[in-house]
Protein backbone atom coordinates (compact mmCIF):
# COMPACT_ATOMS: atom_id res chain seq x y z
CA UNK A 1 25.55 8.93 3.74
CA UNK A 2 28.38 8.50 6.19
CA UNK A 3 28.30 12.09 7.45
CA UNK A 4 28.21 12.21 11.27
CA UNK A 5 25.62 14.97 11.11
CA UNK A 6 23.15 12.48 9.64
CA UNK A 7 23.06 10.93 13.08
CA UNK A 8 22.28 14.05 15.11
CA UNK A 9 19.31 12.22 16.60
CA UNK A 10 21.39 9.11 17.46
CA UNK A 11 24.19 10.09 19.85
CA UNK A 12 25.80 6.63 19.82
CA UNK A 13 26.13 6.55 16.02
CA UNK A 14 27.31 10.16 15.95
CA UNK A 15 29.94 9.40 18.59
CA UNK A 16 31.11 6.36 16.58
CA UNK A 17 31.46 8.48 13.44
CA UNK A 18 33.36 11.22 15.22
CA UNK A 19 35.68 8.65 16.86
CA UNK A 20 36.30 7.01 13.46
CA UNK A 21 37.07 10.36 11.82
CA UNK A 22 39.44 11.25 14.65
CA UNK A 23 41.16 7.88 14.30
CA UNK A 24 41.87 8.47 10.60
CA UNK A 25 43.04 12.04 11.18
CA UNK A 26 45.32 11.24 14.10
CA UNK A 27 46.97 8.25 12.45
CA UNK A 28 47.47 10.16 9.20
CA UNK A 29 48.81 13.33 10.77
CA UNK A 30 52.00 14.68 12.24
CA UNK A 31 52.07 11.98 14.95
CA UNK A 32 51.09 9.18 12.57
CA UNK A 33 51.96 8.39 8.96
CA UNK A 34 53.54 11.79 8.32
CA UNK A 35 55.80 11.28 11.34
CA UNK A 36 56.73 7.79 10.14
CA UNK A 37 57.54 8.97 6.63
CA UNK A 38 59.56 11.87 8.01
CA UNK A 39 61.52 9.54 10.29
CA UNK A 40 62.13 7.23 7.33
CA UNK A 41 63.60 10.05 5.27
CA UNK A 42 65.54 11.66 8.14
CA UNK A 43 66.80 8.22 9.17
CA UNK A 44 68.64 7.70 5.89
CA UNK A 45 72.38 7.20 6.18
CA UNK A 46 72.46 7.29 9.98
CA UNK A 47 73.24 4.47 12.38
CA UNK A 48 69.97 2.50 12.61
CA UNK A 49 68.57 1.62 16.01
CA UNK A 50 65.81 -0.84 16.81
CA UNK A 51 63.82 2.03 18.33
CA UNK A 52 63.99 4.11 15.14
CA UNK A 53 63.14 1.11 12.96
CA UNK A 54 60.15 0.26 15.14
CA UNK A 55 58.96 3.88 15.09
CA UNK A 56 59.11 3.95 11.29
CA UNK A 57 57.31 0.59 10.99
CA UNK A 58 54.59 1.60 13.44
CA UNK A 59 53.86 4.99 11.95
CA UNK A 60 54.78 4.82 8.27
CA UNK A 61 53.02 1.54 7.55
CA UNK A 62 51.17 0.13 10.55
CA UNK A 63 49.19 3.36 11.04
CA UNK A 64 48.16 3.15 7.38
CA UNK A 65 46.49 -0.19 8.08
CA UNK A 66 45.45 0.40 11.69
CA UNK A 67 43.53 3.61 10.97
CA UNK A 68 40.90 2.15 8.61
CA UNK A 69 40.59 -1.09 10.58
CA UNK A 70 39.95 0.77 13.83
CA UNK A 71 37.64 3.28 12.12
CA UNK A 72 35.59 0.46 10.59
CA UNK A 73 35.32 -1.33 13.91
CA UNK A 74 34.25 1.91 15.57
CA UNK A 75 31.59 2.56 12.93
CA UNK A 76 30.28 -0.96 13.49
CA UNK A 77 29.84 -0.14 17.18
CA UNK A 78 32.33 -2.70 18.44
CA UNK A 79 33.08 -2.88 22.15
CA UNK A 80 36.48 -2.03 23.63
CA UNK A 81 37.63 -5.67 23.68
CA UNK A 82 36.97 -6.13 19.96
CA UNK A 83 38.59 -2.78 19.20
CA UNK A 84 41.74 -3.83 21.09
CA UNK A 85 41.93 -7.21 19.34
CA UNK A 86 41.56 -5.66 15.89
CA UNK A 87 44.11 -2.99 16.82
CA UNK A 88 46.67 -5.69 17.64
CA UNK A 89 45.79 -7.46 14.38
CA UNK A 90 46.11 -4.32 12.23
CA UNK A 91 49.31 -3.11 13.90
CA UNK A 92 50.97 -6.51 13.51
CA UNK A 93 50.09 -6.95 9.84
CA UNK A 94 51.16 -3.36 9.21
CA UNK A 95 54.61 -3.93 10.70
CA UNK A 96 54.81 -7.33 8.97
CA UNK A 97 53.93 -5.70 5.64
CA UNK A 98 56.79 -3.21 6.06
CA UNK A 99 59.27 -5.91 7.05
CA UNK A 100 58.38 -7.97 3.99
CA UNK A 101 58.64 -4.87 1.81
CA UNK A 102 62.17 -4.40 3.15
CA UNK A 103 63.03 -8.07 2.52
CA UNK A 104 61.71 -7.85 -1.03
CA UNK A 105 63.92 -4.83 -1.68
CA UNK A 106 66.90 -7.06 -0.87
CA UNK A 107 65.94 -10.34 -2.50
CA UNK A 108 62.67 -9.89 -4.38
CA UNK A 109 61.89 -10.43 -8.04
CA UNK A 110 62.60 -7.14 -9.79
CA UNK A 111 60.15 -7.94 -12.60
CA UNK A 112 57.31 -8.61 -10.14
CA UNK A 113 58.13 -5.61 -7.96
CA UNK A 114 58.42 -3.23 -10.89
CA UNK A 115 61.30 -1.42 -9.23
CA UNK A 116 65.05 -1.71 -8.95
CA UNK A 117 66.22 -3.89 -6.07
CA UNK A 118 68.59 -2.44 -3.53
CA UNK A 119 67.17 1.09 -3.57
CA UNK A 120 66.70 1.04 0.21
CA UNK A 121 70.37 0.08 0.73
CA UNK A 122 71.49 2.70 -1.77
CA UNK A 123 69.50 5.36 0.11
CA UNK A 124 70.77 4.11 3.48
CA UNK A 125 67.27 3.31 4.77
CA UNK A 126 66.78 2.19 8.36
CA UNK A 127 64.92 -1.11 8.33
CA UNK A 128 64.61 -4.45 10.07
CA UNK A 129 65.93 -6.56 7.19
CA UNK A 130 69.18 -4.57 6.92
CA UNK A 131 69.88 -4.52 10.64
CA UNK A 132 68.94 -8.12 11.45
CA UNK A 133 69.29 -9.79 8.04
CA UNK A 134 66.63 -11.34 5.79
CA UNK A 135 66.43 -14.62 7.73
CA UNK A 136 65.71 -12.92 11.06
CA UNK A 137 63.34 -10.54 9.27
CA UNK A 138 61.38 -13.51 7.87
CA UNK A 139 61.14 -14.99 11.36
CA UNK A 140 59.81 -11.68 12.70
CA UNK A 141 57.39 -11.46 9.76
CA UNK A 142 56.05 -14.92 10.62
CA UNK A 143 55.83 -14.11 14.35
CA UNK A 144 53.86 -10.93 13.67
CA UNK A 145 51.51 -12.70 11.23
CA UNK A 146 50.85 -15.45 13.77
CA UNK A 147 50.27 -12.91 16.54
CA UNK A 148 47.86 -10.96 14.32
CA UNK A 149 45.81 -14.07 13.58
CA UNK A 150 45.88 -15.11 17.24
CA UNK A 151 44.43 -11.73 18.22
CA UNK A 152 41.30 -12.62 16.24
CA UNK A 153 41.12 -16.31 17.17
CA UNK A 154 38.12 -15.76 19.46
CA UNK A 155 36.05 -14.84 16.39
CA UNK A 156 36.63 -18.12 14.55
CA UNK A 157 35.13 -18.28 11.07
CA UNK A 158 33.72 -14.77 11.42
CA UNK A 159 37.33 -13.50 11.13
CA UNK A 160 38.26 -15.79 8.22
CA UNK A 161 38.65 -12.86 5.80
CA UNK A 162 41.12 -11.15 8.13
CA UNK A 163 43.19 -14.25 8.86
CA UNK A 164 43.33 -15.08 5.14
CA UNK A 165 44.47 -11.51 4.48
CA UNK A 166 47.25 -11.85 7.04
CA UNK A 167 48.37 -15.13 5.44
CA UNK A 168 48.36 -13.63 1.94
CA UNK A 169 50.38 -10.62 3.06
CA UNK A 170 53.01 -12.88 4.62
CA UNK A 171 53.70 -14.68 1.33
CA UNK A 172 53.26 -11.83 -1.14
CA UNK A 173 55.91 -11.48 -3.79
CA UNK A 174 55.34 -7.82 -4.68
C-alpha cells in the first residue's frame, strides 16, 4: 500500500502520490534540508546575518516539518487553499522549533536536554537567539506559534491536534 503505481487506474490519486513523493524529495535534497545543514556548518564562526539565519531555519528545520505535512495534505487530496494554510503552519512551527532549540542551548536544563549547554556558541553557530538575544528570540517564537495557529483557524476544532502541537512545541523544555 502507498505505492503510486497502485493507483494507475485513478489518475488523481496517482498524481497526489507523485506530488507527495516529490515534496519529500525536494525538501530533503540539496535545496532543502541538506542545504540548510550545509549552511549551518559553513556558517560557523562567520559574521551572522539575518538572511543566513533565516535560510538555515527554513531549510535545516522548517523543511523537515513542512515536507511531511505538505505530503500528507497532498495525499488527502486537499485543495490549494488548504495546502497553502498548512504550509504556513508547518513552516512557522519549523522555524519556531529551531529558535527554541537555539534558546535552550543558551539557557536550557542540561539534564533535560541530555547535552552540554553552550555548544552552539562554542562552535560559533549562526542563530536567532545569539544575534537577537533570548528575550527577542522568545518573542519571535511566540509570534511564529501564533501565526501558525492562525493559519489553521478556519478549520476550528478539526485542527485542534495541530494547534495543540504548536502550543506544546512553544513550551517544550528539551
